[in-house]
Amino acid sequence: MRIHPRFLSIAFVLSIGFGAQAEEVKPYPECTQQTSDPVASGAKAAFQAGEASFNEADYPRAILYWEDAFRRECTATGMLLNLARAYELNNQKRQAVVALETYLQREPNSGEKSQIQRRVEALKKGIEAEPPPQPTAAPTTTAPSPTPTTQPPEQQTVSAKTPSRPIFPLVVAGVGGALFIVGGIAYLGASAEVNDFASRCEDPDGRDGCPEDEIPQANDARKRQSSAAIVTLIGLPIMAGGLVWYFASPKTSAKTTVVPAVGRNFLGLSVDGKF
């Protein structure tokens, strides 16, 4: 994918003007999409997942999701404002400046132009006020110790993910629980109608038979009662099986992610992980 020279110049000015920092500043590639790309149907799901992470103050993960969403749907320039806010909260002020200036370049007639320009100026002033990076002290050499040391050299610790059980069995249990609850409610409602009709068919005054005009309604209520009972009986073992599956599954370090998947002709869940 071709990168516009204008964006390269932005990254270069930032790296020279603000000094060498640990933050990596990257430009945004030129957007060649003319309209919404049907192939990029996962952009909305990635945006929603990033929004959930942002609301949980998990800014690095929100940035990953939103960058992926913008890469898929670069015509959604408003996403650059979301990215700028996440960069700023994640202490990536220089990348926030790139996001805001890119937005102004792609939306020159935006009604928020003056407000965004003031925001860019405030970010640049904050960057200039940052203390310069401290020089790394040269290691000092000492005389070798007469006795060998058993202390290992300093090592960089690598964080590992906490083992967890797969989430898919809980999804199965949730489906079974929903069937059990919905079927139970429908069964109770239909049973009340059947019992009401049966009570009116009793003959305390010596009358024979039931109201003929209500017999079709009673038959319909009895059918709904039988169908609801079947749904309830199906949902209960599914819910129990999902819970047993979940607690019997060994814990693994692989992480399973369930995010909404929204496309042009479908709506569902996207499950990412190992079961």
Protein backbone atom coordinates (compact mmCIF):
# COMPACT_ATOMS: atom_id res chain seq x y z
CA MET A 1 0.00 0.00 0.00
CA ARG A 2 1.41 3.38 -1.01
CA ILE A 3 2.06 5.89 1.80
CA HIS A 4 1.51 9.53 0.97
CA PRO A 5 4.67 11.67 1.35
CA ARG A 6 2.69 14.26 3.31
CA PHE A 7 2.16 11.77 6.14
CA LEU A 8 5.84 10.80 6.13
CA SER A 9 6.76 14.45 6.59
CA ILE A 10 4.49 14.71 9.61
CA ALA A 11 6.18 11.76 11.30
CA PHE A 12 9.62 13.18 10.47
CA VAL A 13 8.85 16.63 11.93
CA LEU A 14 7.47 15.07 15.07
CA SER A 15 10.51 12.85 15.58
CA ILE A 16 12.94 15.78 15.05
CA GLY A 17 11.00 18.54 16.82
CA PHE A 18 10.08 16.61 19.94
CA GLY A 19 13.28 14.70 20.50
CA ALA A 20 14.06 11.02 20.68
CA GLN A 21 11.47 9.30 22.84
CA ALA A 22 10.39 5.74 23.45
CA GLU A 23 7.02 6.47 21.80
CA GLU A 24 6.77 5.23 18.24
CA VAL A 25 4.94 7.61 15.94
CA LYS A 26 3.43 6.19 12.76
CA PRO A 27 1.51 7.95 9.97
CA TYR A 28 -1.78 6.79 8.52
CA PRO A 29 -1.69 5.38 4.98
CA GLU A 30 -3.58 7.19 2.27
CA CYS A 31 -7.21 6.09 2.05
CA THR A 32 -8.00 4.72 -1.40
CA GLN A 33 -11.57 3.63 -0.61
CA GLN A 34 -14.25 5.64 -2.35
CA THR A 35 -17.26 4.22 -0.52
CA SER A 36 -17.89 1.73 2.26
CA ASP A 37 -16.18 -1.56 1.40
CA PRO A 38 -18.44 -4.62 1.89
CA VAL A 39 -15.32 -6.72 2.48
CA ALA A 40 -14.58 -4.62 5.57
CA SER A 41 -17.75 -5.77 7.33
CA GLY A 42 -15.69 -6.60 10.44
CA ALA A 43 -14.87 -2.92 10.99
CA LYS A 44 -18.03 -2.30 13.00
CA ALA A 45 -17.39 -5.33 15.21
CA ALA A 46 -13.81 -4.18 15.84
CA PHE A 47 -15.04 -0.67 16.66
CA GLN A 48 -17.58 -1.98 19.17
CA ALA A 49 -14.96 -4.19 20.81
CA GLY A 50 -12.62 -1.19 21.07
CA GLU A 51 -15.42 0.89 22.57
CA ALA A 52 -15.97 -1.75 25.26
CA SER A 53 -12.24 -1.80 26.08
CA PHE A 54 -12.15 2.01 26.19
CA ASN A 55 -15.04 2.09 28.65
CA GLU A 56 -13.08 -0.36 30.83
CA ALA A 57 -10.04 2.00 30.70
CA ASP A 58 -8.07 -0.66 28.77
CA TYR A 59 -6.65 1.92 26.36
CA PRO A 60 -3.92 -0.24 24.71
CA ARG A 61 -6.50 -2.86 23.72
CA ALA A 62 -8.96 -0.18 22.59
CA ILE A 63 -6.22 1.28 20.36
CA LEU A 64 -5.56 -2.13 18.78
CA TYR A 65 -9.25 -2.65 17.99
CA TRP A 66 -9.81 0.88 16.66
CA GLU A 67 -6.65 0.84 14.53
CA ASP A 68 -7.86 -2.43 12.97
CA ALA A 69 -11.33 -0.94 12.39
CA PHE A 70 -9.87 2.18 10.74
CA ARG A 71 -7.58 0.05 8.59
CA ARG A 72 -10.64 -1.86 7.34
CA GLU A 73 -12.84 1.25 6.88
CA CYS A 74 -10.58 4.27 6.32
CA THR A 75 -13.50 6.36 5.07
CA ALA A 76 -14.75 6.55 8.68
CA THR A 77 -12.54 9.54 9.47
CA GLY A 78 -14.42 10.25 12.71
CA MET A 79 -12.66 7.20 14.16
CA LEU A 80 -9.45 9.25 14.18
CA LEU A 81 -10.96 11.40 16.95
CA ASN A 82 -11.62 8.30 19.03
CA LEU A 83 -8.07 7.10 18.42
CA ALA A 84 -6.66 10.50 19.38
CA ARG A 85 -8.44 10.39 22.73
CA ALA A 86 -7.24 6.85 23.41
CA TYR A 87 -3.66 7.79 22.45
CA GLU A 88 -3.76 10.78 24.78
CA LEU A 89 -5.04 8.72 27.73
CA ASN A 90 -2.40 6.08 26.96
CA ASN A 91 0.35 8.76 27.16
CA GLN A 92 0.95 8.71 23.38
CA LYS A 93 0.63 12.45 22.82
CA ARG A 94 2.66 12.52 19.62
CA GLN A 95 0.51 9.85 17.99
CA ALA A 96 -2.58 11.76 19.16
CA VAL A 97 -1.27 14.83 17.30
CA VAL A 98 -0.80 12.74 14.13
CA ALA A 99 -4.37 11.40 14.41
CA LEU A 100 -5.88 14.87 14.86
CA GLU A 101 -3.86 16.50 12.08
CA THR A 102 -4.72 13.62 9.74
CA TYR A 103 -8.39 14.17 10.54
CA LEU A 104 -8.09 17.88 9.69
CA GLN A 105 -6.38 17.04 6.41
CA ARG A 106 -9.13 14.62 5.41
CA GLU A 107 -11.99 16.75 6.77
CA PRO A 108 -10.91 20.37 6.06
CA ASN A 109 -14.49 21.67 6.33
CA SER A 110 -15.23 20.08 9.69
CA GLY A 111 -17.32 22.18 12.05
CA GLU A 112 -14.97 21.17 14.87
CA LYS A 113 -11.86 22.44 13.08
CA SER A 114 -11.07 25.29 15.49
CA GLN A 115 -11.64 23.13 18.53
CA ILE A 116 -9.39 20.38 17.16
CA GLN A 117 -6.67 22.91 16.30
CA ARG A 118 -6.71 24.19 19.89
CA ARG A 119 -6.46 20.62 21.10
CA VAL A 120 -3.45 20.00 18.85
CA GLU A 121 -1.73 23.15 20.17
CA ALA A 122 -2.35 22.07 23.77
CA LEU A 123 -0.88 18.63 23.07
CA LYS A 124 2.21 20.14 21.45
CA LYS A 125 2.73 22.46 24.41
CA GLY A 126 2.46 19.49 26.74
CA ILE A 127 5.04 17.61 24.70
CA GLU A 128 7.44 20.55 24.77
CA ALA A 129 7.05 20.80 28.55
CA GLU A 130 8.06 17.19 29.06
CA PRO A 131 11.52 16.71 30.61
CA PRO A 132 14.21 15.52 28.23
CA PRO A 133 15.10 11.84 28.38
CA GLN A 134 17.75 11.03 30.98
CA PRO A 135 21.02 9.70 29.56
CA THR A 136 21.78 6.13 30.39
CA ALA A 137 24.69 5.84 32.83
CA ALA A 138 27.65 3.85 31.59
CA PRO A 139 28.14 0.58 33.41
CA THR A 140 30.95 0.64 35.98
CA THR A 141 33.53 -2.10 36.11
CA THR A 142 34.47 -3.60 39.42
CA ALA A 143 37.18 -5.94 40.45
CA PRO A 144 36.20 -9.61 40.32
CA SER A 145 35.12 -11.05 43.61
CA PRO A 146 37.39 -13.67 45.10
CA THR A 147 34.40 -15.91 45.76
CA PRO A 148 31.92 -16.93 43.05
CA THR A 149 28.49 -15.41 43.32
CA THR A 150 25.36 -17.46 43.01
CA GLN A 151 23.07 -14.51 42.34
CA PRO A 152 21.74 -14.73 38.74
CA PRO A 153 22.01 -11.67 36.50
CA GLU A 154 19.03 -9.36 36.31
CA GLN A 155 16.50 -10.65 33.84
CA GLN A 156 13.52 -9.05 32.28
CA THR A 157 10.31 -10.59 33.54
CA VAL A 158 7.74 -11.56 30.98
CA SER A 159 4.15 -11.43 32.06
CA ALA A 160 2.04 -14.47 31.26
CA LYS A 161 -1.64 -14.70 30.85
CA THR A 162 -3.54 -16.18 33.75
CA PRO A 163 -4.90 -19.61 32.82
CA SER A 164 -8.64 -19.62 32.41
CA ARG A 165 -11.37 -21.99 31.29
CA PRO A 166 -12.94 -21.65 27.81
CA ILE A 167 -16.02 -19.43 27.64
CA PHE A 168 -17.90 -21.40 24.99
CA PRO A 169 -19.46 -23.84 27.51
CA LEU A 170 -20.94 -20.84 29.33
CA VAL A 171 -22.49 -19.71 26.04
CA VAL A 172 -24.08 -23.15 25.70
CA ALA A 173 -25.29 -23.01 29.30
CA GLY A 174 -26.72 -19.54 28.67
CA VAL A 175 -28.68 -20.78 25.64
CA GLY A 176 -30.05 -23.68 27.69
CA GLY A 177 -30.95 -21.35 30.54
CA ALA A 178 -32.79 -19.03 28.16
CA LEU A 179 -34.80 -21.96 26.75
CA PHE A 180 -35.60 -23.16 30.26
CA ILE A 181 -36.78 -19.74 31.45
CA VAL A 182 -38.79 -18.86 28.33
CA GLY A 183 -40.34 -22.33 28.18
CA GLY A 184 -41.19 -22.23 31.87
CA ILE A 185 -42.91 -18.86 31.59
CA ALA A 186 -44.89 -20.00 28.54
CA TYR A 187 -45.83 -23.24 30.31
CA LEU A 188 -47.16 -21.42 33.38
CA GLY A 189 -49.21 -19.03 31.25
CA ALA A 190 -50.75 -21.83 29.15
CA SER A 191 -51.40 -23.95 32.25
CA ALA A 192 -53.32 -21.08 33.84
CA GLU A 193 -55.58 -20.87 30.77
CA VAL A 194 -56.13 -24.65 30.75
CA ASN A 195 -56.96 -24.70 34.47
CA ASP A 196 -59.35 -21.77 34.07
CA PHE A 197 -61.22 -23.52 31.28
CA ALA A 198 -61.30 -26.80 33.24
CA SER A 199 -62.80 -25.03 36.25
CA ARG A 200 -65.60 -23.62 34.07
CA CYS A 201 -66.31 -27.09 32.66
CA GLU A 202 -67.24 -28.39 36.13
CA ASP A 203 -70.97 -28.86 36.69
CA PRO A 204 -71.82 -27.56 40.22
CA ASP A 205 -75.34 -26.53 39.14
CA GLY A 206 -76.24 -29.67 37.26
CA ARG A 207 -75.28 -28.34 33.83
CA ASP A 208 -73.65 -30.70 31.35
CA GLY A 209 -70.66 -30.02 29.06
CA CYS A 210 -68.33 -27.05 28.52
CA PRO A 211 -68.85 -23.78 26.62
CA GLU A 212 -68.53 -24.87 22.98
CA ASP A 213 -67.31 -21.48 21.78
CA GLU A 214 -64.31 -21.69 24.13
CA ILE A 215 -63.26 -25.25 23.26
CA PRO A 216 -60.89 -24.14 20.38
CA GLN A 217 -59.21 -21.68 22.74
CA ALA A 218 -58.80 -24.41 25.36
CA ASN A 219 -57.30 -26.79 22.79
CA ASP A 220 -54.88 -24.08 21.63
CA ALA A 221 -53.84 -23.42 25.25
CA ARG A 222 -53.23 -27.13 25.81
CA LYS A 223 -51.04 -27.32 22.68
CA ARG A 224 -49.03 -24.33 23.86
CA GLN A 225 -48.71 -25.97 27.27
CA SER A 226 -47.29 -29.16 25.70
CA SER A 227 -44.88 -27.22 23.44
CA ALA A 228 -43.65 -25.08 26.34
CA ALA A 229 -43.08 -28.19 28.44
CA ILE A 230 -40.92 -29.68 25.67
CA VAL A 231 -38.86 -26.47 25.35
CA THR A 232 -38.37 -26.37 29.12
CA LEU A 233 -37.27 -30.01 29.25
CA ILE A 234 -34.82 -29.41 26.39
CA GLY A 235 -33.35 -26.26 27.94
CA LEU A 236 -32.67 -27.81 31.36
CA PRO A 237 -30.18 -30.52 30.21
CA ILE A 238 -28.49 -28.07 27.81
CA MET A 239 -27.92 -25.61 30.66
CA ALA A 240 -26.71 -28.35 33.01
CA GLY A 241 -24.46 -29.85 30.32
CA GLY A 242 -22.88 -26.46 29.58
CA LEU A 243 -22.11 -25.87 33.26
CA VAL A 244 -20.63 -29.37 33.68
CA TRP A 245 -18.57 -28.85 30.53
CA TYR A 246 -17.27 -25.51 31.81
CA PHE A 247 -16.20 -26.76 35.26
CA ALA A 248 -14.77 -29.99 33.83
CA SER A 249 -12.66 -28.18 31.23
CA PRO A 250 -8.98 -27.71 32.15
CA LYS A 251 -7.66 -24.21 32.51
CA THR A 252 -5.47 -23.01 29.62
CA SER A 253 -3.47 -19.88 28.93
CA ALA A 254 -5.31 -19.29 25.66
CA LYS A 255 -7.81 -16.50 25.90
CA THR A 256 -11.21 -16.70 24.25
CA THR A 257 -12.82 -13.48 23.06
CA VAL A 258 -16.48 -13.08 22.13
CA VAL A 259 -17.22 -9.93 20.15
CA PRO A 260 -20.29 -8.90 18.17
CA ALA A 261 -20.06 -9.63 14.45
CA VAL A 262 -22.15 -7.28 12.34
CA GLY A 263 -22.24 -7.61 8.58
CA ARG A 264 -24.35 -6.45 5.66
CA ASN A 265 -26.72 -9.45 5.86
CA PHE A 266 -26.04 -11.02 9.25
CA LEU A 267 -25.87 -10.33 12.98
CA GLY A 268 -24.24 -12.65 15.46
CA LEU A 269 -21.26 -13.34 17.72
CA SER A 270 -17.64 -13.86 16.74
CA VAL A 271 -15.83 -16.32 19.06
CA ASP A 272 -12.04 -16.17 18.92
CA GLY A 273 -10.05 -18.70 20.92
CA LYS A 274 -9.37 -22.37 21.59
CA PHE A 275 -11.84 -24.69 23.28
